[in-house]
Each structure stands twice: as C-alpha cells, then as structure tokens.
C-alpha cells in the first residue's frame, strides 16, 4: 500500500507530496506520530503555496 493512499492524508497534501519526491520519501520514513503532526498542519493550510511550503519544510 502506498503512503499516499492512506485515508488520513488530505488530498492537497498528497498532491503536494507527489510533486516533491524527496519530501515524499521523508514523509514516508517518518513515524506515525510525526506524520500525524504534518497531516494536522496541512489541515490549516489556506492556499496551495502554504501546502507546498509545508511539504518543502520536510526536506530543509
């Protein structure tokens, strides 16, 4: 099963991760608690650029 098929991952986060393979690898390697924090943060994103920033922060 792909990490992006997880029902908990918001579609916007999944789309942003699919456009940044390095960030997707980091997200996939996180423990459940860390992934949950990113998911929660993504629920508050107000725009596409804000979501992309959340994803980009994963590789900084």
C-alpha atoms as a PDB file:
ATOM      1  CA  UNK A   1       0.000   0.000   0.000  1.00  0.00           C
ATOM      2  CA  UNK A   2       1.281   3.446  -0.885  1.00  0.00           C
ATOM      3  CA  UNK A   3       1.598   6.026   1.863  1.00  0.00           C
ATOM      4  CA  UNK A   4      -0.369   8.420  -0.375  1.00  0.00           C
ATOM      5  CA  UNK A   5      -3.356   6.063  -0.415  1.00  0.00           C
ATOM      6  CA  UNK A   6      -3.770   6.438   3.331  1.00  0.00           C
ATOM      7  CA  UNK A   7      -7.303   7.709   4.003  1.00  0.00           C
ATOM      8  CA  UNK A   8      -5.982  10.133   6.630  1.00  0.00           C
ATOM      9  CA  UNK A   9      -3.848  12.105   4.169  1.00  0.00           C
ATOM     10  CA  UNK A  10      -5.705  15.141   2.816  1.00  0.00           C
ATOM     11  CA  UNK A  11      -5.809  15.265  -0.970  1.00  0.00           C
ATOM     12  CA  UNK A  12      -3.914  18.572  -1.095  1.00  0.00           C
ATOM     13  CA  UNK A  13      -1.083  17.158   0.985  1.00  0.00           C
ATOM     14  CA  UNK A  14      -0.987  14.006  -1.122  1.00  0.00           C
ATOM     15  CA  UNK A  15      -0.819  16.052  -4.305  1.00  0.00           C
ATOM     16  CA  UNK A  16       1.928  18.301  -2.939  1.00  0.00           C
ATOM     17  CA  UNK A  17       3.942  15.272  -1.797  1.00  0.00           C
ATOM     18  CA  UNK A  18       3.538  13.604  -5.185  1.00  0.00           C
ATOM     19  CA  UNK A  19       5.167  16.661  -6.777  1.00  0.00           C
ATOM     20  CA  UNK A  20       8.190  16.511  -4.455  1.00  0.00           C
ATOM     21  CA  UNK A  21       9.701  13.032  -4.336  1.00  0.00           C
ATOM     22  CA  UNK A  22      12.361  13.933  -1.768  1.00  0.00           C
ATOM     23  CA  UNK A  23       9.698  15.223   0.616  1.00  0.00           C
ATOM     24  CA  UNK A  24       7.556  12.156  -0.061  1.00  0.00           C
ATOM     25  CA  UNK A  25      10.454   9.879   0.917  1.00  0.00           C
ATOM     26  CA  UNK A  26      10.985  11.844   4.141  1.00  0.00           C
ATOM     27  CA  UNK A  27       7.259  11.760   4.947  1.00  0.00           C
ATOM     28  CA  UNK A  28       7.084   8.008   4.273  1.00  0.00           C
ATOM     29  CA  UNK A  29      10.043   7.360   6.581  1.00  0.00           C
ATOM     30  CA  UNK A  30       8.539   9.316   9.498  1.00  0.00           C
ATOM     31  CA  UNK A  31       6.967   7.517  12.402  1.00  0.00           C
ATOM     32  CA  UNK A  32       3.187   7.676  12.741  1.00  0.00           C
ATOM     33  CA  UNK A  33       3.261  10.485  15.297  1.00  0.00           C
ATOM     34  CA  UNK A  34       5.440  12.726  13.100  1.00  0.00           C
ATOM     35  CA  UNK A  35       3.268  12.059  10.027  1.00  0.00           C
ATOM     36  CA  UNK A  36       0.179  12.926  12.081  1.00  0.00           C
ATOM     37  CA  UNK A  37       1.718  16.310  13.012  1.00  0.00           C
ATOM     38  CA  UNK A  38       2.297  17.074   9.317  1.00  0.00           C
ATOM     39  CA  UNK A  39      -1.244  15.987   8.469  1.00  0.00           C
ATOM     40  CA  UNK A  40      -2.656  18.211  11.214  1.00  0.00           C
ATOM     41  CA  UNK A  41      -0.546  21.127   9.991  1.00  0.00           C
ATOM     42  CA  UNK A  42      -1.818  20.573   6.442  1.00  0.00           C
ATOM     43  CA  UNK A  43      -5.436  20.841   7.635  1.00  0.00           C
ATOM     44  CA  UNK A  44      -4.733  24.501   8.422  1.00  0.00           C
ATOM     45  CA  UNK A  45      -3.183  25.374   5.044  1.00  0.00           C
ATOM     46  CA  UNK A  46      -5.143  28.182   3.430  1.00  0.00           C
ATOM     47  CA  UNK A  47      -3.597  28.015  -0.051  1.00  0.00           C
ATOM     48  CA  UNK A  48      -1.660  25.847  -2.471  1.00  0.00           C
ATOM     49  CA  UNK A  49       1.525  27.773  -1.727  1.00  0.00           C
ATOM     50  CA  UNK A  50       1.058  27.234   2.006  1.00  0.00           C
ATOM     51  CA  UNK A  51       0.659  23.480   1.409  1.00  0.00           C
ATOM     52  CA  UNK A  52       3.765  23.450  -0.780  1.00  0.00           C
ATOM     53  CA  UNK A  53       5.648  25.228   1.998  1.00  0.00           C
ATOM     54  CA  UNK A  54       4.646  22.520   4.481  1.00  0.00           C
ATOM     55  CA  UNK A  55       5.968  19.880   2.094  1.00  0.00           C
ATOM     56  CA  UNK A  56       9.152  21.795   1.285  1.00  0.00           C
ATOM     57  CA  UNK A  57       9.863  22.175   5.004  1.00  0.00           C
ATOM     58  CA  UNK A  58      10.180  18.386   5.203  1.00  0.00           C
ATOM     59  CA  UNK A  59      13.466  18.472   3.299  1.00  0.00           C
ATOM     60  CA  UNK A  60      15.013  21.525   4.930  1.00  0.00           C
END
